Amino acid sequence: MYSLDINFLKDREVRVFEAKPRQRSAAVPGDRRPLILGLVVALIPLALVGGYWAVTRNQVNTLQARSNELDAELAQLRGQLDEISGIQGQIQAVRAENNAFVSIFNEIVPWSALLQDIRNRTPARVQITTLNQTAGDTSEINPDLQPPRAGGVSIDGVACSHDDINDFALVLQRSPLLQTSSVAIVRAQQQTNLLDPETEGRCPGTAVGDPEFLVDYTIRANITDTPAAQLVDELERQGTVGLVTRLRALRETGVID
């Protein structure tokens, strides 16, 4: 058998192989830039934390200073509040004194005014022999009545008839200085002896020759509880100048209405 030998080496171009130099590493011995870069990267969070801490610390110091200022203002305000409380206490004391002072005047019903009022209301056929102040207890007449602070009056006298006594009591009930419901006749007794015209005179309006028997009476009443400040006009009509002047002065200053 035959064998076929082909030589390919003849046709292949002879190429010269050039060895390329090996690239060196970027880092050369002794280069510290990566280390520095790493340190910088590591220090950035610490710097941020430090900056945040500094800002926070500054805010805390600011708030603490403001807190101290507010504490000082609060202490000053507390001192002012204590001073205001003291002034208010003084005002209350003055008001209490004024109220006590006013209550004294309001509870006063001058006897001069009361006597003048009763005198003006006394009928011609009625005479008053005595007028006394009482405690104002008329419970035996009207159990619902309470004794007034100013007390009461007891009027004793004589009248020409029982009708004259009733008229007198009705007139007294219209007095603003007396309690209307407290006015009552507690005694009305006819005398046993006739009125002697020669020595005792005659009752007004009685015909000559008519026999007359005088009637002894007692009328009691409570003095009004109405404040004197509300009776200024009536007191002035009765001539109570001093009390009226004081009451009007108190009204002008606003102590009473």
C-alpha atoms as a PDB file:
ATOM      1  CA  MET A   1       0.000   0.000   0.000  1.00  0.00           C
ATOM      2  CA  TYR A   2       0.992   3.464  -0.680  1.00  0.00           C
ATOM      3  CA  SER A   3       1.122   6.240   1.985  1.00  0.00           C
ATOM      4  CA  LEU A   4       0.565   9.886   1.386  1.00  0.00           C
ATOM      5  CA  ASP A   5       2.757  12.345   3.291  1.00  0.00           C
ATOM      6  CA  ILE A   6       1.806  16.028   3.210  1.00  0.00           C
ATOM      7  CA  ASN A   7       4.053  18.636   4.763  1.00  0.00           C
ATOM      8  CA  PHE A   8       2.132  21.685   5.945  1.00  0.00           C
ATOM      9  CA  LEU A   9       5.112  23.415   7.429  1.00  0.00           C
ATOM     10  CA  LYS A  10       6.227  24.763   4.132  1.00  0.00           C
ATOM     11  CA  ASP A  11       3.156  26.863   3.623  1.00  0.00           C
ATOM     12  CA  ARG A  12       2.884  28.240   7.215  1.00  0.00           C
ATOM     13  CA  GLU A  13       4.215  31.673   7.756  1.00  0.00           C
ATOM     14  CA  VAL A  14       6.920  31.952  10.269  1.00  0.00           C
ATOM     15  CA  ARG A  15       5.798  34.392  12.997  1.00  0.00           C
ATOM     16  CA  VAL A  16       8.004  35.796  15.610  1.00  0.00           C
ATOM     17  CA  PHE A  17       6.377  35.654  19.084  1.00  0.00           C
ATOM     18  CA  GLU A  18       6.949  38.724  21.141  1.00  0.00           C
ATOM     19  CA  ALA A  19       6.520  38.378  24.848  1.00  0.00           C
ATOM     20  CA  LYS A  20       4.556  41.235  26.367  1.00  0.00           C
ATOM     21  CA  PRO A  21       5.826  42.621  29.585  1.00  0.00           C
ATOM     22  CA  ARG A  22       3.626  41.799  32.642  1.00  0.00           C
ATOM     23  CA  GLN A  23       1.670  44.762  33.901  1.00  0.00           C
ATOM     24  CA  ARG A  24       2.610  45.858  37.347  1.00  0.00           C
ATOM     25  CA  SER A  25       0.037  46.342  40.107  1.00  0.00           C
ATOM     26  CA  ALA A  26      -1.391  49.838  40.578  1.00  0.00           C
ATOM     27  CA  ALA A  27      -0.089  49.851  44.046  1.00  0.00           C
ATOM     28  CA  VAL A  28       3.508  50.135  44.373  1.00  0.00           C
ATOM     29  CA  PRO A  29       5.381  49.300  47.456  1.00  0.00           C
ATOM     30  CA  GLY A  30       5.276  52.207  49.858  1.00  0.00           C
ATOM     31  CA  ASP A  31       2.023  53.894  48.429  1.00  0.00           C
ATOM     32  CA  ARG A  32      -0.235  54.826  51.416  1.00  0.00           C
ATOM     33  CA  ARG A  33      -3.085  56.536  49.564  1.00  0.00           C
ATOM     34  CA  PRO A  34      -5.492  53.593  49.913  1.00  0.00           C
ATOM     35  CA  LEU A  35      -4.887  53.543  53.637  1.00  0.00           C
ATOM     36  CA  ILE A  36      -5.491  57.252  53.924  1.00  0.00           C
ATOM     37  CA  LEU A  37      -8.605  56.947  51.789  1.00  0.00           C
ATOM     38  CA  GLY A  38      -9.905  54.193  54.032  1.00  0.00           C
ATOM     39  CA  LEU A  39      -9.261  56.256  57.101  1.00  0.00           C
ATOM     40  CA  VAL A  40     -11.081  59.200  55.555  1.00  0.00           C
ATOM     41  CA  VAL A  41     -14.056  57.001  54.697  1.00  0.00           C
ATOM     42  CA  ALA A  42     -14.050  55.608  58.236  1.00  0.00           C
ATOM     43  CA  LEU A  43     -13.845  59.083  59.779  1.00  0.00           C
ATOM     44  CA  ILE A  44     -16.796  60.496  57.836  1.00  0.00           C
ATOM     45  CA  PRO A  45     -19.469  58.762  60.035  1.00  0.00           C
ATOM     46  CA  LEU A  46     -17.571  59.800  63.136  1.00  0.00           C
ATOM     47  CA  ALA A  47     -17.481  63.379  61.902  1.00  0.00           C
ATOM     48  CA  LEU A  48     -21.213  63.287  61.203  1.00  0.00           C
ATOM     49  CA  VAL A  49     -21.901  61.888  64.660  1.00  0.00           C
ATOM     50  CA  GLY A  50     -19.654  64.503  66.230  1.00  0.00           C
ATOM     51  CA  GLY A  51     -21.378  67.287  64.305  1.00  0.00           C
ATOM     52  CA  TYR A  52     -24.818  66.010  65.303  1.00  0.00           C
ATOM     53  CA  TRP A  53     -23.677  65.776  68.918  1.00  0.00           C
ATOM     54  CA  ALA A  54     -22.364  69.348  68.786  1.00  0.00           C
ATOM     55  CA  VAL A  55     -25.626  70.649  67.314  1.00  0.00           C
ATOM     56  CA  THR A  56     -27.686  68.708  69.846  1.00  0.00           C
ATOM     57  CA  ARG A  57     -25.489  69.914  72.672  1.00  0.00           C
ATOM     58  CA  ASN A  58     -25.945  73.486  71.508  1.00  0.00           C
ATOM     59  CA  GLN A  59     -29.717  73.037  71.400  1.00  0.00           C
ATOM     60  CA  VAL A  60     -29.676  71.555  74.899  1.00  0.00           C
ATOM     61  CA  ASN A  61     -27.645  74.488  76.186  1.00  0.00           C
ATOM     62  CA  THR A  62     -30.050  76.909  74.519  1.00  0.00           C
ATOM     63  CA  LEU A  63     -33.087  75.158  75.959  1.00  0.00           C
ATOM     64  CA  GLN A  64     -31.463  75.005  79.379  1.00  0.00           C
ATOM     65  CA  ALA A  65     -30.771  78.721  79.277  1.00  0.00           C
ATOM     66  CA  ARG A  66     -34.394  79.362  78.234  1.00  0.00           C
ATOM     67  CA  SER A  67     -35.579  77.104  81.026  1.00  0.00           C
ATOM     68  CA  ASN A  68     -33.547  79.102  83.514  1.00  0.00           C
ATOM     69  CA  GLU A  69     -35.058  82.318  82.184  1.00  0.00           C
ATOM     70  CA  LEU A  70     -38.575  80.904  82.484  1.00  0.00           C
ATOM     71  CA  ASP A  71     -37.851  79.717  86.025  1.00  0.00           C
ATOM     72  CA  ALA A  72     -36.742  83.233  86.927  1.00  0.00           C
ATOM     73  CA  GLU A  73     -39.870  84.720  85.318  1.00  0.00           C
ATOM     74  CA  LEU A  74     -42.022  82.140  87.100  1.00  0.00           C
ATOM     75  CA  ALA A  75     -40.458  83.033  90.432  1.00  0.00           C
ATOM     76  CA  GLN A  76     -41.124  86.706  89.712  1.00  0.00           C
ATOM     77  CA  LEU A  77     -44.720  85.947  88.739  1.00  0.00           C
ATOM     78  CA  ARG A  78     -45.218  83.943  91.908  1.00  0.00           C
ATOM     79  CA  GLY A  79     -44.011  86.902  93.905  1.00  0.00           C
ATOM     80  CA  GLN A  80     -46.442  89.136  92.039  1.00  0.00           C
ATOM     81  CA  LEU A  81     -49.256  86.632  92.625  1.00  0.00           C
ATOM     82  CA  ASP A  82     -48.465  86.624  96.333  1.00  0.00           C
ATOM     83  CA  GLU A  83     -48.567  90.406  96.293  1.00  0.00           C
ATOM     84  CA  ILE A  84     -51.888  90.351  94.422  1.00  0.00           C
ATOM     85  CA  SER A  85     -53.289  87.871  96.929  1.00  0.00           C
ATOM     86  CA  GLY A  86     -52.262  90.172  99.745  1.00  0.00           C
ATOM     87  CA  ILE A  87     -53.913  93.137  98.040  1.00  0.00           C
ATOM     88  CA  GLN A  88     -57.071  91.117  97.439  1.00  0.00           C
ATOM     89  CA  GLY A  89     -57.111  90.180 101.110  1.00  0.00           C
ATOM     90  CA  GLN A  90     -56.869  93.852 102.017  1.00  0.00           C
ATOM     91  CA  ILE A  91     -59.669  94.652  99.578  1.00  0.00           C
ATOM     92  CA  GLN A  92     -61.862  91.964 101.130  1.00  0.00           C
ATOM     93  CA  ALA A  93     -61.136  93.340 104.583  1.00  0.00           C
ATOM     94  CA  VAL A  94     -62.059  96.865 103.466  1.00  0.00           C
ATOM     95  CA  ARG A  95     -65.230  95.569 101.834  1.00  0.00           C
ATOM     96  CA  ALA A  96     -66.153  93.719 104.997  1.00  0.00           C
ATOM     97  CA  GLU A  97     -65.630  96.895 107.007  1.00  0.00           C
ATOM     98  CA  ASN A  98     -67.705  98.867 104.509  1.00  0.00           C
ATOM     99  CA  ASN A  99     -70.483  96.285 104.608  1.00  0.00           C
ATOM    100  CA  ALA A 100     -70.489  96.338 108.393  1.00  0.00           C
ATOM    101  CA  PHE A 101     -70.505 100.136 108.311  1.00  0.00           C
ATOM    102  CA  VAL A 102     -73.363 100.203 105.795  1.00  0.00           C
ATOM    103  CA  SER A 103     -75.351  97.568 107.685  1.00  0.00           C
ATOM    104  CA  ILE A 104     -75.278  99.791 110.762  1.00  0.00           C
ATOM    105  CA  PHE A 105     -76.831 102.656 108.816  1.00  0.00           C
ATOM    106  CA  ASN A 106     -79.258 100.375 107.003  1.00  0.00           C
ATOM    107  CA  GLU A 107     -80.550  98.965 110.267  1.00  0.00           C
ATOM    108  CA  ILE A 108     -81.087 102.385 111.785  1.00  0.00           C
ATOM    109  CA  VAL A 109     -84.610 103.791 111.848  1.00  0.00           C
ATOM    110  CA  PRO A 110     -84.258 107.085 113.705  1.00  0.00           C
ATOM    111  CA  TRP A 111     -86.735 107.515 116.508  1.00  0.00           C
ATOM    112  CA  SER A 112     -87.190 111.114 115.506  1.00  0.00           C
ATOM    113  CA  ALA A 113     -88.466 110.012 112.103  1.00  0.00           C
ATOM    114  CA  LEU A 114     -90.612 107.249 113.611  1.00  0.00           C
ATOM    115  CA  LEU A 115     -92.200 109.557 116.210  1.00  0.00           C
ATOM    116  CA  GLN A 116     -92.881 112.194 113.587  1.00  0.00           C
ATOM    117  CA  ASP A 117     -94.482 109.629 111.295  1.00  0.00           C
ATOM    118  CA  ILE A 118     -96.729 108.272 114.082  1.00  0.00           C
ATOM    119  CA  ARG A 119     -97.632 111.803 115.147  1.00  0.00           C
ATOM    120  CA  ASN A 120     -98.670 112.692 111.608  1.00  0.00           C
ATOM    121  CA  ARG A 121    -100.842 109.562 111.388  1.00  0.00           C
ATOM    122  CA  THR A 122    -102.626 109.999 114.708  1.00  0.00           C
ATOM    123  CA  PRO A 123    -106.333 110.899 114.203  1.00  0.00           C
ATOM    124  CA  ALA A 124    -107.821 113.898 115.942  1.00  0.00           C
ATOM    125  CA  ARG A 125    -110.047 111.689 118.144  1.00  0.00           C
ATOM    126  CA  VAL A 126    -107.076 109.635 119.348  1.00  0.00           C
ATOM    127  CA  GLN A 127    -104.490 110.624 121.923  1.00  0.00           C
ATOM    128  CA  ILE A 128    -101.147 108.978 122.671  1.00  0.00           C
ATOM    129  CA  THR A 129    -100.133 108.918 126.320  1.00  0.00           C
ATOM    130  CA  THR A 130     -96.994 106.731 126.130  1.00  0.00           C
ATOM    131  CA  LEU A 131     -94.858 105.218 123.402  1.00  0.00           C
ATOM    132  CA  ASN A 132     -92.250 102.634 124.334  1.00  0.00           C
ATOM    133  CA  GLN A 133     -89.739 100.582 122.410  1.00  0.00           C
ATOM    134  CA  THR A 134     -90.138  96.814 122.612  1.00  0.00           C
ATOM    135  CA  ALA A 135     -88.243  93.777 121.382  1.00  0.00           C
ATOM    136  CA  GLY A 136     -90.761  93.516 118.600  1.00  0.00           C
ATOM    137  CA  ASP A 137     -92.028  90.117 119.705  1.00  0.00           C
ATOM    138  CA  THR A 138     -95.658  89.943 118.660  1.00  0.00           C
ATOM    139  CA  SER A 139     -95.840  86.163 118.538  1.00  0.00           C
ATOM    140  CA  GLU A 140     -98.954  86.139 120.685  1.00  0.00           C
ATOM    141  CA  ILE A 141    -100.676  88.077 117.901  1.00  0.00           C
ATOM    142  CA  ASN A 142     -99.144  86.465 114.818  1.00  0.00           C
ATOM    143  CA  PRO A 143     -97.031  83.322 115.394  1.00  0.00           C
ATOM    144  CA  ASP A 144     -95.510  83.611 111.922  1.00  0.00           C
ATOM    145  CA  LEU A 145     -93.838  86.944 112.638  1.00  0.00           C
ATOM    146  CA  GLN A 146     -90.181  87.093 113.597  1.00  0.00           C
ATOM    147  CA  PRO A 147     -88.881  89.843 115.900  1.00  0.00           C
ATOM    148  CA  PRO A 148     -87.144  92.453 113.740  1.00  0.00           C
ATOM    149  CA  ARG A 149     -83.599  93.590 114.389  1.00  0.00           C
ATOM    150  CA  ALA A 150     -84.783  97.138 115.054  1.00  0.00           C
ATOM    151  CA  GLY A 151     -87.386  95.972 117.576  1.00  0.00           C
ATOM    152  CA  GLY A 152     -90.887  97.341 117.819  1.00  0.00           C
ATOM    153  CA  VAL A 153     -93.095  99.968 119.435  1.00  0.00           C
ATOM    154  CA  SER A 154     -95.959  99.868 121.922  1.00  0.00           C
ATOM    155  CA  ILE A 155     -98.407 102.778 121.743  1.00  0.00           C
ATOM    156  CA  ASP A 156    -100.754 103.443 124.657  1.00  0.00           C
ATOM    157  CA  GLY A 157    -103.430 106.093 124.809  1.00  0.00           C
ATOM    158  CA  VAL A 158    -107.126 106.908 124.776  1.00  0.00           C
ATOM    159  CA  ALA A 159    -109.602 107.273 121.962  1.00  0.00           C
ATOM    160  CA  CYS A 160    -113.124 108.539 121.691  1.00  0.00           C
ATOM    161  CA  SER A 161    -114.404 105.199 120.367  1.00  0.00           C
ATOM    162  CA  HIS A 162    -113.400 101.740 119.198  1.00  0.00           C
ATOM    163  CA  ASP A 163    -113.823 102.860 115.602  1.00  0.00           C
ATOM    164  CA  ASP A 164    -111.249 105.570 116.147  1.00  0.00           C
ATOM    165  CA  ILE A 165    -108.772 102.961 117.416  1.00  0.00           C
ATOM    166  CA  ASN A 166    -109.416 100.759 114.377  1.00  0.00           C
ATOM    167  CA  ASP A 167    -108.873 103.728 112.076  1.00  0.00           C
ATOM    168  CA  PHE A 168    -105.617 104.526 113.853  1.00  0.00           C
ATOM    169  CA  ALA A 169    -104.392 100.953 113.415  1.00  0.00           C
ATOM    170  CA  LEU A 170    -105.270 100.992 109.702  1.00  0.00           C
ATOM    171  CA  VAL A 171    -103.366 104.251 109.207  1.00  0.00           C
ATOM    172  CA  LEU A 172    -100.311 102.837 111.005  1.00  0.00           C
ATOM    173  CA  GLN A 173    -100.339  99.821 108.680  1.00  0.00           C
ATOM    174  CA  ARG A 174     -99.625 102.176 105.776  1.00  0.00           C
ATOM    175  CA  SER A 175     -96.488 103.544 107.424  1.00  0.00           C
ATOM    176  CA  PRO A 176     -93.302 102.584 105.555  1.00  0.00           C
ATOM    177  CA  LEU A 177     -91.457 102.643 108.887  1.00  0.00           C
ATOM    178  CA  LEU A 178     -93.555  99.809 110.374  1.00  0.00           C
ATOM    179  CA  GLN A 179     -94.218  96.244 109.310  1.00  0.00           C
ATOM    180  CA  THR A 180     -97.743  96.249 107.967  1.00  0.00           C
ATOM    181  CA  SER A 181     -98.696  92.770 109.133  1.00  0.00           C
ATOM    182  CA  SER A 182     -97.358  93.382 112.633  1.00  0.00           C
ATOM    183  CA  VAL A 183     -99.628  96.309 113.503  1.00  0.00           C
ATOM    184  CA  ALA A 184    -102.262  95.025 115.929  1.00  0.00           C
ATOM    185  CA  ILE A 185    -104.589  96.243 118.639  1.00  0.00           C
ATOM    186  CA  VAL A 186    -103.759  94.284 121.779  1.00  0.00           C
ATOM    187  CA  ARG A 187    -106.037  96.207 124.128  1.00  0.00           C
ATOM    188  CA  ALA A 188    -109.179  98.303 123.708  1.00  0.00           C
ATOM    189  CA  GLN A 189    -111.139  98.795 126.947  1.00  0.00           C
ATOM    190  CA  GLN A 190    -113.847 101.325 127.537  1.00  0.00           C
ATOM    191  CA  GLN A 191    -113.519 103.399 130.689  1.00  0.00           C
ATOM    192  CA  THR A 192    -116.241 103.154 133.313  1.00  0.00           C
ATOM    193  CA  ASN A 193    -116.548 106.871 133.935  1.00  0.00           C
ATOM    194  CA  LEU A 194    -118.006 109.320 131.503  1.00  0.00           C
ATOM    195  CA  LEU A 195    -115.829 112.010 130.074  1.00  0.00           C
ATOM    196  CA  ASP A 196    -116.294 115.207 132.081  1.00  0.00           C
ATOM    197  CA  PRO A 197    -116.632 118.034 129.588  1.00  0.00           C
ATOM    198  CA  GLU A 198    -115.811 120.682 132.152  1.00  0.00           C
ATOM    199  CA  THR A 199    -112.471 119.212 133.268  1.00  0.00           C
ATOM    200  CA  GLU A 200    -111.445 116.890 130.402  1.00  0.00           C
ATOM    201  CA  GLY A 201    -113.064 118.549 127.443  1.00  0.00           C
ATOM    202  CA  ARG A 202    -114.961 116.831 124.671  1.00  0.00           C
ATOM    203  CA  CYS A 203    -114.018 114.620 121.743  1.00  0.00           C
ATOM    204  CA  PRO A 204    -113.849 116.430 118.408  1.00  0.00           C
ATOM    205  CA  GLY A 205    -117.073 116.064 116.430  1.00  0.00           C
ATOM    206  CA  THR A 206    -119.213 114.943 119.360  1.00  0.00           C
ATOM    207  CA  ALA A 207    -122.554 116.665 119.718  1.00  0.00           C
ATOM    208  CA  VAL A 208    -123.139 118.678 122.840  1.00  0.00           C
ATOM    209  CA  GLY A 209    -124.972 116.672 125.453  1.00  0.00           C
ATOM    210  CA  ASP A 210    -124.015 113.223 124.078  1.00  0.00           C
ATOM    211  CA  PRO A 211    -122.442 111.035 126.792  1.00  0.00           C
ATOM    212  CA  GLU A 212    -118.891 109.969 126.043  1.00  0.00           C
ATOM    213  CA  PHE A 213    -116.837 107.101 127.326  1.00  0.00           C
ATOM    214  CA  LEU A 214    -113.178 107.160 126.445  1.00  0.00           C
ATOM    215  CA  VAL A 215    -111.519 103.909 125.358  1.00  0.00           C
ATOM    216  CA  ASP A 216    -108.063 102.913 126.572  1.00  0.00           C
ATOM    217  CA  TYR A 217    -106.007 101.150 123.913  1.00  0.00           C
ATOM    218  CA  THR A 218    -102.632  99.562 123.254  1.00  0.00           C
ATOM    219  CA  ILE A 219    -101.294  99.099 119.746  1.00  0.00           C
ATOM    220  CA  ARG A 220     -98.077  97.241 119.031  1.00  0.00           C
ATOM    221  CA  ALA A 221     -96.066  97.039 115.846  1.00  0.00           C
ATOM    222  CA  ASN A 222     -92.685  95.957 114.568  1.00  0.00           C
ATOM    223  CA  ILE A 223     -90.286  98.475 113.102  1.00  0.00           C
ATOM    224  CA  THR A 224     -89.579  97.771 109.441  1.00  0.00           C
ATOM    225  CA  ASP A 225     -86.634  95.660 108.304  1.00  0.00           C
ATOM    226  CA  THR A 226     -86.405  97.618 105.052  1.00  0.00           C
ATOM    227  CA  PRO A 227     -82.854  99.018 104.702  1.00  0.00           C
ATOM    228  CA  ALA A 228     -82.641 102.685 105.480  1.00  0.00           C
ATOM    229  CA  ALA A 229     -80.991 103.234 102.093  1.00  0.00           C
ATOM    230  CA  GLN A 230     -84.355 102.390 100.512  1.00  0.00           C
ATOM    231  CA  LEU A 231     -86.204 104.798 102.815  1.00  0.00           C
ATOM    232  CA  VAL A 232     -84.200 107.918 102.036  1.00  0.00           C
ATOM    233  CA  ASP A 233     -87.162 109.816 100.611  1.00  0.00           C
ATOM    234  CA  GLU A 234     -89.425 108.909 103.542  1.00  0.00           C
ATOM    235  CA  LEU A 235     -86.741 109.760 106.091  1.00  0.00           C
ATOM    236  CA  GLU A 236     -86.193 113.082 104.397  1.00  0.00           C
ATOM    237  CA  ARG A 237     -89.920 113.861 104.583  1.00  0.00           C
ATOM    238  CA  GLN A 238     -89.757 113.167 108.313  1.00  0.00           C
ATOM    239  CA  GLY A 239     -86.875 115.583 108.727  1.00  0.00           C
ATOM    240  CA  THR A 240     -84.032 113.097 109.361  1.00  0.00           C
ATOM    241  CA  VAL A 241     -81.389 115.246 107.702  1.00  0.00           C
ATOM    242  CA  GLY A 242     -78.227 113.761 109.231  1.00  0.00           C
ATOM    243  CA  LEU A 243     -78.887 110.129 108.303  1.00  0.00           C
ATOM    244  CA  VAL A 244     -80.182 111.077 104.866  1.00  0.00           C
ATOM    245  CA  THR A 245     -76.991 113.038 104.166  1.00  0.00           C
ATOM    246  CA  ARG A 246     -74.805 110.095 105.177  1.00  0.00           C
ATOM    247  CA  LEU A 247     -76.803 107.623 103.116  1.00  0.00           C
ATOM    248  CA  ARG A 248     -76.623 109.788 100.030  1.00  0.00           C
ATOM    249  CA  ALA A 249     -72.889 110.220 100.494  1.00  0.00           C
ATOM    250  CA  LEU A 250     -72.488 106.441 100.677  1.00  0.00           C
ATOM    251  CA  ARG A 251     -74.596 106.084  97.534  1.00  0.00           C
ATOM    252  CA  GLU A 252     -72.477 108.607  95.635  1.00  0.00           C
ATOM    253  CA  THR A 253     -69.294 106.743  96.536  1.00  0.00           C
ATOM    254  CA  GLY A 254     -70.816 103.481  95.302  1.00  0.00           C
ATOM    255  CA  VAL A 255     -70.766 101.780  98.683  1.00  0.00           C
ATOM    256  CA  ILE A 256     -74.533 101.248  98.485  1.00  0.00           C
ATOM    257  CA  ASP A 257     -76.848 101.131  95.509  1.00  0.00           C
END
